[in-house]
Protein backbone atom coordinates (compact mmCIF):
# COMPACT_ATOMS: atom_id res chain seq x y z
CA MET A 1 118.19 89.08 109.10
CA VAL A 2 117.64 89.48 112.86
CA ARG A 3 120.87 87.71 113.82
CA ASP A 4 122.86 89.83 111.37
CA ALA A 5 121.33 93.07 112.70
CA LEU A 6 122.08 92.07 116.29
CA ASP A 7 125.63 90.98 115.44
CA HIS A 8 126.34 94.31 113.74
CA HIS A 9 124.44 96.54 116.18
CA ARG A 10 121.96 97.70 113.56
CA LEU A 11 118.92 97.77 115.79
CA ALA A 12 117.51 100.94 114.26
CA ALA A 13 117.55 99.36 110.79
CA LEU A 14 115.95 96.18 112.15
CA GLU A 15 113.19 98.14 113.87
CA ALA A 16 112.61 100.19 110.72
CA ARG A 17 112.29 97.03 108.62
CA PHE A 18 109.75 95.46 110.97
CA LYS A 19 107.85 98.73 111.29
CA ALA A 20 107.62 99.12 107.52
CA ASP A 21 106.43 95.53 107.16
CA LEU A 22 103.80 96.08 109.84
CA GLU A 23 102.59 99.31 108.24
CA ARG A 24 102.15 97.51 104.91
CA HIS A 25 99.74 95.15 106.67
CA PHE A 26 97.30 97.99 107.40
CA VAL A 27 97.10 99.76 104.05
CA LYS A 28 95.21 98.88 100.91
CA GLN A 29 98.12 99.48 98.55
CA PRO A 30 100.68 97.95 98.69
CA PHE A 31 99.09 95.55 101.19
CA SER A 32 101.34 92.76 102.41
CA GLU A 33 101.29 89.97 104.98
CA ILE A 34 105.10 89.92 105.16
CA ILE A 35 105.04 90.84 108.85
CA HIS A 36 103.87 87.29 109.56
CA SER A 37 106.86 85.86 107.71
CA ASP A 38 109.19 88.10 109.71
CA PHE A 39 108.40 86.04 112.80
CA VAL A 40 108.53 82.54 111.25
CA ALA A 41 112.04 81.94 112.59
CA PHE A 42 110.77 82.35 116.16
CA ASP A 43 109.59 78.81 116.79
CA ALA A 44 110.15 76.44 119.73
CA SER A 45 113.80 75.77 118.93
CA GLN A 46 116.57 76.58 121.37
CA GLU A 47 118.21 78.77 118.72
CA ALA A 48 115.03 80.82 118.35
CA GLY A 49 114.90 81.17 122.12
CA ARG A 50 118.48 82.41 122.26
CA LEU A 51 117.96 84.80 119.36
CA SER A 52 114.75 86.28 120.74
CA GLN A 53 116.37 86.71 124.17
CA ARG A 54 119.38 88.43 122.59
CA TRP A 55 117.09 90.81 120.74
CA LEU A 56 115.12 91.54 123.88
CA ASP A 57 118.34 92.11 125.86
CA GLN A 58 119.52 94.64 123.28
CA ALA A 59 116.12 96.31 122.81
CA PRO A 60 114.02 95.69 125.93
CA HIS A 61 111.29 98.14 124.90
CA SER A 62 110.96 96.97 121.30
CA ALA A 63 107.47 95.74 120.48
CA PHE A 64 109.02 93.53 117.82
CA ALA A 65 111.57 91.98 120.18
CA LEU A 66 108.80 91.37 122.71
CA THR A 67 106.66 89.76 120.00
CA ALA A 68 109.54 87.53 118.88
CA ARG A 69 110.16 86.45 122.46
CA GLY A 70 106.45 85.86 123.06
CA THR A 71 106.11 83.87 119.85
CA THR A 72 109.02 81.65 120.86
CA SER A 73 107.73 81.26 124.40
CA ALA A 74 104.22 80.40 123.21
CA ALA A 75 105.66 77.45 121.29
CA TRP A 76 107.47 76.01 124.33
CA PRO A 77 104.55 74.02 125.82
CA GLY A 78 104.47 71.84 122.71
CA ARG A 79 108.23 71.45 122.89
CA LEU A 80 108.02 70.45 126.53
CA ALA A 81 105.23 67.99 125.82
CA ALA A 82 107.42 66.38 123.16
CA GLY A 83 110.20 65.96 125.72
CA MET A 84 112.56 68.43 124.07
């Protein structure tokens, strides 16, 4: 979803999707934890690092891009410890 939005310059739609998912986390109905799943792809992999950096390059003030980058970066110590 993120890669496709970045490839096709649909940042506004990507931001709207993440914003809607976040808003659903803070209401009683229809409550959802989907926002957590939105960031699952941002692990310690090199691909996740490249994708999160691309998103941040295209949207440097996006809270969601910053979160994706931070999520990926937070996983790096384990990757480094494993010799990756």
